[in-house]
Amino acid sequence: MAKNHKKEQFIAIFTLASVFALFIFLKLTPEVKIANNDSDVIESIIQEKVKEIESSISEEILINDETDNNIGYSNLETKDIIISYTDKELKRAQLYIQKNWKADHTINNAAWKYAQMTTNNKNNLTKENSNQEEKNNSNQFVNNSN
């Protein structure tokens, strides 16, 4: 009986020591950064999707502007803008620009920048068209003295 009792005590002490050693091992070893590799893969996928979305947005904007206004914007920089505003915010920003008001804290910055960019492009195109018309009209003088 004493022999069995010593055997049980040895097994209990060995089990406690094993659990204690496992606990210390888990606390002292650094965590494996498997998630880091996954985050790199996820980041590259996100970048690819963002590029696809940016290109499709810029194509849609150019197509919509050409069909609505018959104006082609050659220097439209839409790849830096990700649409993060509503139509209401865009119209409000355009109204501020038309009234020559400054943007305040209530105006969405992305809508403000896009509205400024489109109005600047429209103004440049109308100036170019008016300059071309003036050149064409200035050469059409008729001398009618008989």
N, C-alpha and C. Protein backbone atom coordinates (compact mmCIF):
# COMPACT_ATOMS: atom_id res chain seq x y z
N MET A 1 0.78 -1.17 0.00
CA MET A 1 0.00 0.00 0.00
C MET A 1 0.85 1.27 0.00
N ALA A 2 1.89 1.27 0.76
CA ALA A 2 2.79 2.41 0.79
C ALA A 2 3.46 2.58 -0.57
N LYS A 3 3.69 1.47 -1.21
CA LYS A 3 4.30 1.52 -2.52
C LYS A 3 3.35 2.19 -3.52
N ASN A 4 2.07 1.87 -3.46
CA ASN A 4 1.09 2.50 -4.36
C ASN A 4 0.92 3.98 -4.04
N HIS A 5 0.98 4.30 -2.76
CA HIS A 5 0.84 5.69 -2.34
C HIS A 5 2.01 6.53 -2.86
N LYS A 6 3.21 6.05 -2.80
CA LYS A 6 4.38 6.76 -3.33
C LYS A 6 4.28 6.89 -4.85
N LYS A 7 3.77 5.85 -5.50
CA LYS A 7 3.61 5.88 -6.95
C LYS A 7 2.59 6.95 -7.34
N GLU A 8 1.50 7.07 -6.62
CA GLU A 8 0.48 8.08 -6.91
C GLU A 8 1.03 9.48 -6.66
N GLN A 9 1.79 9.66 -5.59
CA GLN A 9 2.39 10.96 -5.32
C GLN A 9 3.38 11.34 -6.42
N PHE A 10 4.16 10.38 -6.88
CA PHE A 10 5.12 10.65 -7.96
C PHE A 10 4.38 11.07 -9.24
N ILE A 11 3.31 10.39 -9.58
CA ILE A 11 2.52 10.73 -10.78
C ILE A 11 1.90 12.12 -10.62
N ALA A 12 1.39 12.44 -9.44
CA ALA A 12 0.78 13.75 -9.19
C ALA A 12 1.83 14.86 -9.32
N ILE A 13 3.01 14.66 -8.72
CA ILE A 13 4.08 15.67 -8.80
C ILE A 13 4.58 15.80 -10.23
N PHE A 14 4.73 14.68 -10.92
CA PHE A 14 5.17 14.73 -12.33
C PHE A 14 4.16 15.46 -13.19
N THR A 15 2.86 15.23 -12.98
CA THR A 15 1.81 15.90 -13.75
C THR A 15 1.82 17.39 -13.45
N LEU A 16 1.92 17.78 -12.19
CA LEU A 16 1.97 19.20 -11.84
C LEU A 16 3.20 19.88 -12.44
N ALA A 17 4.33 19.21 -12.37
CA ALA A 17 5.55 19.77 -12.94
C ALA A 17 5.43 19.91 -14.46
N SER A 18 4.80 18.96 -15.11
CA SER A 18 4.62 19.03 -16.57
C SER A 18 3.72 20.20 -16.94
N VAL A 19 2.63 20.36 -16.20
CA VAL A 19 1.72 21.48 -16.48
C VAL A 19 2.43 22.80 -16.22
N PHE A 20 3.17 22.89 -15.14
CA PHE A 20 3.92 24.11 -14.82
C PHE A 20 4.96 24.41 -15.89
N ALA A 21 5.67 23.40 -16.36
CA ALA A 21 6.67 23.59 -17.41
C ALA A 21 6.01 24.03 -18.72
N LEU A 22 4.87 23.43 -19.05
CA LEU A 22 4.15 23.83 -20.26
C LEU A 22 3.69 25.28 -20.15
N PHE A 23 3.20 25.67 -18.99
CA PHE A 23 2.75 27.04 -18.77
C PHE A 23 3.91 28.02 -18.95
N ILE A 24 5.07 27.73 -18.37
CA ILE A 24 6.26 28.59 -18.50
C ILE A 24 6.72 28.64 -19.96
N PHE A 25 6.71 27.50 -20.65
CA PHE A 25 7.12 27.46 -22.05
C PHE A 25 6.22 28.35 -22.90
N LEU A 26 4.91 28.27 -22.69
CA LEU A 26 3.98 29.08 -23.48
C LEU A 26 4.13 30.57 -23.17
N LYS A 27 4.45 30.91 -21.96
CA LYS A 27 4.62 32.32 -21.61
C LYS A 27 5.93 32.90 -22.14
N LEU A 28 6.97 32.10 -22.20
CA LEU A 28 8.27 32.61 -22.60
C LEU A 28 8.50 32.62 -24.11
N THR A 29 7.86 31.78 -24.85
CA THR A 29 8.08 31.75 -26.30
C THR A 29 7.26 32.85 -26.96
N PRO A 30 7.86 33.54 -27.94
CA PRO A 30 7.11 34.59 -28.64
C PRO A 30 6.05 33.96 -29.54
N GLU A 31 5.01 34.74 -29.78
CA GLU A 31 3.94 34.25 -30.63
C GLU A 31 4.43 34.20 -32.07
N VAL A 32 3.98 33.24 -32.80
CA VAL A 32 4.36 33.08 -34.20
C VAL A 32 3.52 34.05 -35.02
N LYS A 33 4.17 34.77 -35.91
CA LYS A 33 3.50 35.79 -36.70
C LYS A 33 3.01 35.22 -38.03
N ILE A 34 2.17 34.24 -37.98
CA ILE A 34 1.60 33.68 -39.21
C ILE A 34 0.63 34.69 -39.81
N ALA A 35 -0.04 35.44 -38.97
CA ALA A 35 -1.01 36.42 -39.45
C ALA A 35 -0.33 37.51 -40.27
N ASN A 36 0.96 37.78 -40.04
CA ASN A 36 1.68 38.81 -40.78
C ASN A 36 1.73 38.46 -42.26
N ASN A 37 2.01 37.23 -42.61
CA ASN A 37 2.03 36.82 -44.01
C ASN A 37 0.64 36.93 -44.62
N ASP A 38 -0.36 36.55 -43.85
CA ASP A 38 -1.72 36.67 -44.34
C ASP A 38 -2.10 38.13 -44.57
N SER A 39 -1.66 39.01 -43.70
CA SER A 39 -2.00 40.42 -43.87
C SER A 39 -1.31 41.01 -45.10
N ASP A 40 -0.11 40.54 -45.43
CA ASP A 40 0.55 41.00 -46.66
C ASP A 40 -0.23 40.57 -47.89
N VAL A 41 -0.70 39.35 -47.88
CA VAL A 41 -1.50 38.85 -49.01
C VAL A 41 -2.80 39.63 -49.10
N ILE A 42 -3.42 39.86 -47.96
CA ILE A 42 -4.68 40.61 -47.95
C ILE A 42 -4.46 42.04 -48.43
N GLU A 43 -3.36 42.65 -48.01
CA GLU A 43 -3.04 44.02 -48.43
C GLU A 43 -2.84 44.10 -49.94
N SER A 44 -2.16 43.12 -50.52
CA SER A 44 -1.95 43.14 -51.98
C SER A 44 -3.27 42.95 -52.72
N ILE A 45 -4.14 42.11 -52.20
CA ILE A 45 -5.45 41.92 -52.83
C ILE A 45 -6.26 43.21 -52.75
N ILE A 46 -6.20 43.87 -51.61
CA ILE A 46 -6.93 45.13 -51.44
C ILE A 46 -6.41 46.18 -52.42
N GLN A 47 -5.09 46.27 -52.58
CA GLN A 47 -4.51 47.24 -53.51
C GLN A 47 -4.95 46.97 -54.94
N GLU A 48 -5.01 45.70 -55.34
CA GLU A 48 -5.47 45.35 -56.68
C GLU A 48 -6.92 45.76 -56.88
N LYS A 49 -7.75 45.48 -55.90
CA LYS A 49 -9.17 45.84 -56.00
C LYS A 49 -9.36 47.34 -56.05
N VAL A 50 -8.57 48.09 -55.27
CA VAL A 50 -8.67 49.55 -55.28
C VAL A 50 -8.30 50.09 -56.65
N LYS A 51 -7.26 49.54 -57.27
CA LYS A 51 -6.86 49.99 -58.61
C LYS A 51 -7.96 49.70 -59.63
N GLU A 52 -8.58 48.53 -59.53
CA GLU A 52 -9.68 48.20 -60.44
C GLU A 52 -10.84 49.16 -60.26
N ILE A 53 -11.19 49.45 -59.02
CA ILE A 53 -12.31 50.34 -58.75
C ILE A 53 -12.00 51.75 -59.23
N GLU A 54 -10.77 52.22 -58.98
CA GLU A 54 -10.39 53.56 -59.42
C GLU A 54 -10.47 53.68 -60.94
N SER A 55 -9.99 52.68 -61.65
CA SER A 55 -10.03 52.76 -63.11
C SER A 55 -11.46 52.71 -63.62
N SER A 56 -12.31 51.89 -63.02
CA SER A 56 -13.70 51.84 -63.47
C SER A 56 -14.43 53.13 -63.15
N ILE A 57 -14.13 53.73 -61.99
CA ILE A 57 -14.76 55.00 -61.63
C ILE A 57 -14.33 56.10 -62.59
N SER A 58 -13.04 56.16 -62.91
CA SER A 58 -12.57 57.20 -63.82
C SER A 58 -13.17 57.02 -65.21
N GLU A 59 -13.32 55.77 -65.67
CA GLU A 59 -13.95 55.53 -66.97
C GLU A 59 -15.41 55.95 -66.94
N GLU A 60 -16.13 55.62 -65.87
CA GLU A 60 -17.54 55.99 -65.77
C GLU A 60 -17.71 57.50 -65.73
N ILE A 61 -16.83 58.18 -65.00
CA ILE A 61 -16.93 59.63 -64.91
C ILE A 61 -16.68 60.26 -66.27
N LEU A 62 -15.67 59.79 -66.98
CA LEU A 62 -15.39 60.34 -68.30
C LEU A 62 -16.53 60.06 -69.26
N ILE A 63 -17.09 58.86 -69.23
CA ILE A 63 -18.20 58.52 -70.12
C ILE A 63 -19.42 59.35 -69.78
N ASN A 64 -19.75 59.48 -68.50
CA ASN A 64 -20.91 60.27 -68.09
C ASN A 64 -20.74 61.74 -68.45
N ASP A 65 -19.56 62.29 -68.23
CA ASP A 65 -19.34 63.70 -68.56
C ASP A 65 -19.41 63.94 -70.06
N GLU A 66 -18.89 63.02 -70.85
CA GLU A 66 -18.93 63.19 -72.30
C GLU A 66 -20.34 63.07 -72.82
N THR A 67 -21.12 62.15 -72.30
CA THR A 67 -22.48 61.98 -72.80
C THR A 67 -23.40 63.07 -72.29
N ASP A 68 -23.22 63.52 -71.05
CA ASP A 68 -24.09 64.55 -70.49
C ASP A 68 -23.78 65.93 -71.05
N ASN A 69 -22.53 66.28 -71.12
CA ASN A 69 -22.14 67.65 -71.47
C ASN A 69 -21.43 67.75 -72.82
N ASN A 70 -21.17 66.63 -73.46
CA ASN A 70 -20.38 66.58 -74.70
C ASN A 70 -19.03 67.24 -74.51
N ILE A 71 -18.45 67.06 -73.34
CA ILE A 71 -17.14 67.63 -73.03
C ILE A 71 -16.23 66.49 -72.63
N GLY A 72 -15.03 66.44 -73.22
CA GLY A 72 -14.05 65.43 -72.82
C GLY A 72 -13.00 66.05 -71.95
N TYR A 73 -12.83 65.56 -70.76
CA TYR A 73 -11.83 66.10 -69.86
C TYR A 73 -10.54 65.34 -70.04
N SER A 74 -9.54 66.02 -70.57
CA SER A 74 -8.29 65.34 -70.84
C SER A 74 -7.40 65.23 -69.61
N ASN A 75 -7.46 66.22 -68.73
CA ASN A 75 -6.57 66.19 -67.57
C ASN A 75 -7.33 65.94 -66.27
N LEU A 76 -8.36 65.15 -66.33
CA LEU A 76 -9.14 64.83 -65.14
C LEU A 76 -8.37 63.83 -64.30
N GLU A 77 -8.09 64.20 -63.07
CA GLU A 77 -7.29 63.36 -62.19
C GLU A 77 -8.20 62.60 -61.24
N THR A 78 -8.82 61.55 -61.71
CA THR A 78 -9.76 60.82 -60.86
C THR A 78 -9.11 59.64 -60.18
N LYS A 79 -7.89 59.30 -60.53
CA LYS A 79 -7.30 58.12 -59.89
C LYS A 79 -6.93 58.38 -58.44
N ASP A 80 -6.81 59.64 -58.03
CA ASP A 80 -6.50 59.95 -56.65
C ASP A 80 -7.75 60.12 -55.79
N ILE A 81 -8.92 60.12 -56.43
CA ILE A 81 -10.15 60.35 -55.69
C ILE A 81 -10.95 59.07 -55.65
N ILE A 82 -11.27 58.64 -54.46
CA ILE A 82 -12.20 57.55 -54.27
C ILE A 82 -13.48 58.19 -53.78
N ILE A 83 -14.56 57.90 -54.46
CA ILE A 83 -15.80 58.58 -54.15
C ILE A 83 -16.24 58.23 -52.74
N SER A 84 -16.28 59.24 -51.90
CA SER A 84 -16.70 59.06 -50.53
C SER A 84 -17.66 60.17 -50.13
N TYR A 85 -18.58 60.50 -51.03
CA TYR A 85 -19.55 61.54 -50.76
C TYR A 85 -20.84 61.19 -51.50
N THR A 86 -21.91 61.82 -51.11
CA THR A 86 -23.20 61.58 -51.74
C THR A 86 -23.46 62.65 -52.80
N ASP A 87 -24.50 62.44 -53.58
CA ASP A 87 -24.86 63.43 -54.59
C ASP A 87 -25.27 64.75 -53.94
N LYS A 88 -25.93 64.65 -52.80
CA LYS A 88 -26.34 65.85 -52.08
C LYS A 88 -25.12 66.68 -51.66
N GLU A 89 -24.09 66.01 -51.16
CA GLU A 89 -22.88 66.71 -50.74
C GLU A 89 -22.16 67.33 -51.94
N LEU A 90 -22.17 66.62 -53.08
CA LEU A 90 -21.53 67.15 -54.28
C LEU A 90 -22.27 68.39 -54.78
N LYS A 91 -23.60 68.33 -54.82
CA LYS A 91 -24.38 69.48 -55.27
C LYS A 91 -24.17 70.69 -54.34
N ARG A 92 -24.07 70.41 -53.05
CA ARG A 92 -23.84 71.48 -52.09
C ARG A 92 -22.47 72.12 -52.30
N ALA A 93 -21.46 71.29 -52.57
CA ALA A 93 -20.11 71.81 -52.83
C ALA A 93 -20.10 72.62 -54.13
N GLN A 94 -20.81 72.15 -55.15
CA GLN A 94 -20.88 72.90 -56.41
C GLN A 94 -21.59 74.24 -56.21
N LEU A 95 -22.61 74.26 -55.37
CA LEU A 95 -23.31 75.50 -55.08
C LEU A 95 -22.39 76.49 -54.37
N TYR A 96 -21.60 76.01 -53.42
CA TYR A 96 -20.63 76.87 -52.74
C TYR A 96 -19.64 77.46 -53.75
N ILE A 97 -19.18 76.65 -54.67
CA ILE A 97 -18.21 77.13 -55.67
C ILE A 97 -18.86 78.15 -56.59
N GLN A 98 -20.10 77.91 -57.00
CA GLN A 98 -20.79 78.85 -57.88
C GLN A 98 -20.99 80.21 -57.21
N LYS A 99 -21.20 80.19 -55.91
CA LYS A 99 -21.40 81.43 -55.18
C LYS A 99 -20.10 82.04 -54.67
N ASN A 100 -18.96 81.41 -55.04
CA ASN A 100 -17.63 81.86 -54.63
C ASN A 100 -17.48 81.90 -53.12
N TRP A 101 -18.02 80.90 -52.45
CA TRP A 101 -17.89 80.78 -51.02
C TRP A 101 -16.74 79.85 -50.69
N LYS A 102 -16.17 80.05 -49.52
CA LYS A 102 -15.13 79.13 -49.04
C LYS A 102 -15.77 77.88 -48.48
N ALA A 103 -15.02 76.80 -48.51
CA ALA A 103 -15.50 75.56 -47.90
C ALA A 103 -15.37 75.69 -46.38
N ASP A 104 -16.42 75.31 -45.69
CA ASP A 104 -16.35 75.32 -44.23
C ASP A 104 -16.30 73.88 -43.71
N HIS A 105 -16.42 73.71 -42.42
CA HIS A 105 -16.28 72.39 -41.82
C HIS A 105 -17.46 71.46 -42.16
N THR A 106 -18.54 72.00 -42.72
CA THR A 106 -19.69 71.17 -43.05
C THR A 106 -19.61 70.57 -44.44
N ILE A 107 -18.67 71.02 -45.26
CA ILE A 107 -18.53 70.52 -46.63
C ILE A 107 -17.62 69.31 -46.63
N ASN A 108 -18.02 68.29 -47.36
CA ASN A 108 -17.21 67.08 -47.52
C ASN A 108 -16.00 67.43 -48.39
N ASN A 109 -14.80 67.14 -47.90
CA ASN A 109 -13.57 67.52 -48.62
C ASN A 109 -13.46 66.83 -49.97
N ALA A 110 -13.83 65.57 -50.06
CA ALA A 110 -13.73 64.86 -51.34
C ALA A 110 -14.68 65.47 -52.36
N ALA A 111 -15.89 65.82 -51.94
CA ALA A 111 -16.85 66.45 -52.84
C ALA A 111 -16.36 67.82 -53.26
N TRP A 112 -15.76 68.56 -52.32
CA TRP A 112 -15.24 69.90 -52.62
C TRP A 112 -14.13 69.83 -53.66
N LYS A 113 -13.18 68.91 -53.47
CA LYS A 113 -12.07 68.78 -54.42
C LYS A 113 -12.57 68.37 -55.80
N TYR A 114 -13.51 67.43 -55.84
CA TYR A 114 -14.03 66.99 -57.14
C TYR A 114 -14.79 68.12 -57.82
N ALA A 115 -15.59 68.87 -57.07
CA ALA A 115 -16.33 69.99 -57.66
C ALA A 115 -15.38 71.06 -58.18
N GLN A 116 -14.32 71.34 -57.44
CA GLN A 116 -13.33 72.32 -57.91
C GLN A 116 -12.66 71.83 -59.19
N MET A 117 -12.31 70.56 -59.20
CA MET A 117 -11.61 70.01 -60.36
C MET A 117 -12.50 70.06 -61.61
N THR A 118 -13.78 69.72 -61.46
CA THR A 118 -14.65 69.72 -62.63
C THR A 118 -14.93 71.14 -63.11
N THR A 119 -15.11 72.08 -62.18
CA THR A 119 -15.35 73.46 -62.62
C THR A 119 -14.11 74.06 -63.26
N ASN A 120 -12.93 73.74 -62.74
CA ASN A 120 -11.70 74.23 -63.36
C ASN A 120 -11.54 73.67 -64.76
N ASN A 121 -11.83 72.38 -64.94
CA ASN A 121 -11.73 71.77 -66.27
C ASN A 121 -12.75 72.37 -67.23
N LYS A 122 -13.97 72.61 -66.76
CA LYS A 122 -14.99 73.22 -67.62
C LYS A 122 -14.58 74.63 -68.02
N ASN A 123 -14.04 75.39 -67.05
CA ASN A 123 -13.61 76.76 -67.35
C ASN A 123 -12.47 76.77 -68.36
N ASN A 124 -11.52 75.86 -68.22
CA ASN A 124 -10.41 75.79 -69.16
C ASN A 124 -10.90 75.44 -70.55
N LEU A 125 -11.84 74.51 -70.65
CA LEU A 125 -12.35 74.12 -71.96
C LEU A 125 -13.16 75.23 -72.60
N THR A 126 -13.95 75.96 -71.83
CA THR A 126 -14.73 77.06 -72.40
C THR A 126 -13.81 78.19 -72.84
N LYS A 127 -12.72 78.45 -72.10
CA LYS A 127 -11.76 79.47 -72.50
C LYS A 127 -11.08 79.07 -73.81
N GLU A 128 -10.71 77.81 -73.93
CA GLU A 128 -10.09 77.34 -75.17
C GLU A 128 -11.05 77.46 -76.34
N ASN A 129 -12.30 77.10 -76.13
CA ASN A 129 -13.30 77.19 -77.21
C ASN A 129 -13.55 78.63 -77.60
N SER A 130 -13.63 79.55 -76.63
CA SER A 130 -13.88 80.95 -76.96
C SER A 130 -12.67 81.56 -77.66
N ASN A 131 -11.45 81.17 -77.28
CA ASN A 131 -10.26 81.67 -77.97
C ASN A 131 -10.23 81.18 -79.41
N GLN A 132 -10.62 79.95 -79.64
CA GLN A 132 -10.65 79.43 -81.01
C GLN A 132 -11.72 80.13 -81.83
N GLU A 133 -12.88 80.41 -81.24
CA GLU A 133 -13.94 81.12 -81.95
C GLU A 133 -13.51 82.54 -82.29
N GLU A 134 -12.81 83.23 -81.38
CA GLU A 134 -12.33 84.58 -81.64
C GLU A 134 -11.33 84.58 -82.78
N LYS A 135 -10.46 83.58 -82.82
CA LYS A 135 -9.49 83.49 -83.90
C LYS A 135 -10.19 83.26 -85.24
N ASN A 136 -11.18 82.40 -85.23
CA ASN A 136 -11.91 82.12 -86.46
C ASN A 136 -12.73 83.32 -86.91
N ASN A 137 -13.34 84.05 -86.00
CA ASN A 137 -14.18 85.19 -86.34
C ASN A 137 -13.35 86.41 -86.71
N SER A 138 -12.16 86.56 -86.19
CA SER A 138 -11.36 87.74 -86.48
C SER A 138 -10.84 87.76 -87.91
N ASN A 139 -10.80 86.66 -88.56
CA ASN A 139 -10.30 86.59 -89.94
C ASN A 139 -11.41 86.71 -90.97
N GLN A 140 -12.62 86.98 -90.59
CA GLN A 140 -13.74 86.99 -91.52
C GLN A 140 -14.25 88.42 -91.77
N PHE A 141 -13.38 89.31 -92.18
CA PHE A 141 -13.80 90.66 -92.54
C PHE A 141 -13.98 90.73 -94.06
N VAL A 142 -15.06 91.35 -94.46
CA VAL A 142 -15.33 91.45 -95.89
C VAL A 142 -15.30 92.94 -96.27
N ASN A 143 -14.55 93.24 -97.29
CA ASN A 143 -14.48 94.60 -97.79
C ASN A 143 -15.50 94.73 -98.88
N ASN A 144 -16.49 95.58 -98.68
CA ASN A 144 -17.60 95.69 -99.61
C ASN A 144 -17.64 97.06 -100.25
N SER A 145 -16.52 97.59 -100.61
CA SER A 145 -16.50 98.93 -101.22
C SER A 145 -16.35 98.79 -102.74
N ASN A 146 -17.36 99.21 -103.46
CA ASN A 146 -17.34 99.14 -104.93
C ASN A 146 -17.22 100.48 -105.54
